[in-house]
């Protein structure tokens, strides 16, 4: 809503000048990609089964994998998590 224009029927278009400053991580290795894909698949299955404790654990694992992919340190992770 804050980075694009509203079109007819309340659809939106994104302005790339707002997205360009966001850094992208380097290309993940096949192992990193497979790990994240597995975690996401497990998370989707846990959500279908309503396993709240497992959902929280998997979400945390996904976050950690993404932080590692971006090479974030503890201070940067605290900023992301709003600690």
C-alpha atoms as a PDB file:
ATOM      1  CA  UNK A   1       0.000   0.000   0.000  1.00  0.00           C
ATOM      2  CA  UNK A   2       2.868   2.367   0.788  1.00  0.00           C
ATOM      3  CA  UNK A   3       5.102   1.346  -2.103  1.00  0.00           C
ATOM      4  CA  UNK A   4       2.791   1.391  -5.088  1.00  0.00           C
ATOM      5  CA  UNK A   5      -0.344   2.726  -6.700  1.00  0.00           C
ATOM      6  CA  UNK A   6      -3.893   1.494  -6.380  1.00  0.00           C
ATOM      7  CA  UNK A   7      -5.422   0.471  -9.679  1.00  0.00           C
ATOM      8  CA  UNK A   8      -9.003  -0.277 -10.586  1.00  0.00           C
ATOM      9  CA  UNK A   9     -10.748  -2.983  -8.552  1.00  0.00           C
ATOM     10  CA  UNK A  10      -8.318  -2.289  -5.661  1.00  0.00           C
ATOM     11  CA  UNK A  11      -5.433  -4.122  -7.318  1.00  0.00           C
ATOM     12  CA  UNK A  12      -1.971  -2.670  -6.824  1.00  0.00           C
ATOM     13  CA  UNK A  13       1.128  -1.982  -8.842  1.00  0.00           C
ATOM     14  CA  UNK A  14       4.527  -1.878  -7.184  1.00  0.00           C
ATOM     15  CA  UNK A  15       7.016   0.898  -7.808  1.00  0.00           C
ATOM     16  CA  UNK A  16      10.451  -0.625  -8.260  1.00  0.00           C
ATOM     17  CA  UNK A  17      12.256   2.456  -6.950  1.00  0.00           C
ATOM     18  CA  UNK A  18      10.999   1.487  -3.473  1.00  0.00           C
ATOM     19  CA  UNK A  19      12.263  -2.078  -3.816  1.00  0.00           C
ATOM     20  CA  UNK A  20      15.690  -1.438  -5.361  1.00  0.00           C
ATOM     21  CA  UNK A  21      17.365  -0.479  -2.045  1.00  0.00           C
ATOM     22  CA  UNK A  22      16.579  -3.883  -0.507  1.00  0.00           C
ATOM     23  CA  UNK A  23      19.604  -6.175  -0.676  1.00  0.00           C
ATOM     24  CA  UNK A  24      19.268  -9.683  -2.021  1.00  0.00           C
ATOM     25  CA  UNK A  25      21.314 -12.522  -0.585  1.00  0.00           C
ATOM     26  CA  UNK A  26      23.832 -14.299  -2.780  1.00  0.00           C
ATOM     27  CA  UNK A  27      22.559 -17.304  -4.696  1.00  0.00           C
ATOM     28  CA  UNK A  28      21.919 -20.016  -2.093  1.00  0.00           C
ATOM     29  CA  UNK A  29      23.712 -23.321  -2.393  1.00  0.00           C
ATOM     30  CA  UNK A  30      21.638 -26.359  -3.300  1.00  0.00           C
ATOM     31  CA  UNK A  31      21.970 -27.522   0.305  1.00  0.00           C
ATOM     32  CA  UNK A  32      20.687 -24.201   1.693  1.00  0.00           C
ATOM     33  CA  UNK A  33      17.809 -24.171  -0.769  1.00  0.00           C
ATOM     34  CA  UNK A  34      16.868 -27.784   0.011  1.00  0.00           C
ATOM     35  CA  UNK A  35      16.956 -27.052   3.755  1.00  0.00           C
ATOM     36  CA  UNK A  36      14.624 -24.057   3.436  1.00  0.00           C
ATOM     37  CA  UNK A  37      12.274 -25.893   1.065  1.00  0.00           C
ATOM     38  CA  UNK A  38      12.041 -28.823   3.519  1.00  0.00           C
ATOM     39  CA  UNK A  39      11.363 -26.487   6.449  1.00  0.00           C
ATOM     40  CA  UNK A  40       8.610 -24.692   4.520  1.00  0.00           C
ATOM     41  CA  UNK A  41       7.005 -27.980   3.459  1.00  0.00           C
ATOM     42  CA  UNK A  42       7.127 -29.210   7.060  1.00  0.00           C
ATOM     43  CA  UNK A  43       5.609 -25.917   8.216  1.00  0.00           C
ATOM     44  CA  UNK A  44       2.746 -26.188   5.741  1.00  0.00           C
ATOM     45  CA  UNK A  45       2.029 -29.723   6.914  1.00  0.00           C
ATOM     46  CA  UNK A  46       2.166 -28.688  10.592  1.00  0.00           C
ATOM     47  CA  UNK A  47      -0.276 -25.847   9.891  1.00  0.00           C
ATOM     48  CA  UNK A  48      -2.697 -28.242   8.198  1.00  0.00           C
ATOM     49  CA  UNK A  49      -2.534 -30.482  11.260  1.00  0.00           C
ATOM     50  CA  UNK A  50      -2.802 -27.577  13.728  1.00  0.00           C
ATOM     51  CA  UNK A  51       0.438 -28.415  15.561  1.00  0.00           C
ATOM     52  CA  UNK A  52       1.052 -25.010  17.156  1.00  0.00           C
ATOM     53  CA  UNK A  53       4.258 -25.882  19.019  1.00  0.00           C
ATOM     54  CA  UNK A  54       5.792 -27.412  15.900  1.00  0.00           C
ATOM     55  CA  UNK A  55       4.682 -24.401  13.837  1.00  0.00           C
ATOM     56  CA  UNK A  56       6.533 -22.000  16.127  1.00  0.00           C
ATOM     57  CA  UNK A  57       9.662 -24.155  16.069  1.00  0.00           C
ATOM     58  CA  UNK A  58       9.622 -24.442  12.276  1.00  0.00           C
ATOM     59  CA  UNK A  59       9.034 -20.706  11.815  1.00  0.00           C
ATOM     60  CA  UNK A  60      12.043 -20.019  14.042  1.00  0.00           C
ATOM     61  CA  UNK A  61      14.141 -22.507  12.050  1.00  0.00           C
ATOM     62  CA  UNK A  62      13.152 -20.831   8.778  1.00  0.00           C
ATOM     63  CA  UNK A  63      14.045 -17.433  10.210  1.00  0.00           C
ATOM     64  CA  UNK A  64      17.458 -18.717  11.315  1.00  0.00           C
ATOM     65  CA  UNK A  65      18.116 -20.227   7.881  1.00  0.00           C
ATOM     66  CA  UNK A  66      17.249 -16.928   6.191  1.00  0.00           C
ATOM     67  CA  UNK A  67      19.400 -14.936   8.640  1.00  0.00           C
ATOM     68  CA  UNK A  68      22.292 -17.263   7.824  1.00  0.00           C
ATOM     69  CA  UNK A  69      21.637 -16.836   4.098  1.00  0.00           C
ATOM     70  CA  UNK A  70      21.893 -13.048   4.488  1.00  0.00           C
ATOM     71  CA  UNK A  71      24.910 -13.381   6.793  1.00  0.00           C
ATOM     72  CA  UNK A  72      23.279 -11.427   9.617  1.00  0.00           C
ATOM     73  CA  UNK A  73      25.003 -11.115  12.973  1.00  0.00           C
ATOM     74  CA  UNK A  74      23.220 -11.188  16.351  1.00  0.00           C
ATOM     75  CA  UNK A  75      22.835  -7.396  16.512  1.00  0.00           C
ATOM     76  CA  UNK A  76      21.256  -7.310  13.039  1.00  0.00           C
ATOM     77  CA  UNK A  77      18.939 -10.185  13.919  1.00  0.00           C
ATOM     78  CA  UNK A  78      17.807  -8.272  17.013  1.00  0.00           C
ATOM     79  CA  UNK A  79      16.930  -5.311  14.798  1.00  0.00           C
ATOM     80  CA  UNK A  80      14.946  -7.514  12.419  1.00  0.00           C
ATOM     81  CA  UNK A  81      13.097  -9.172  15.288  1.00  0.00           C
ATOM     82  CA  UNK A  82      12.494  -5.859  17.039  1.00  0.00           C
ATOM     83  CA  UNK A  83      14.314  -6.886  20.212  1.00  0.00           C
END
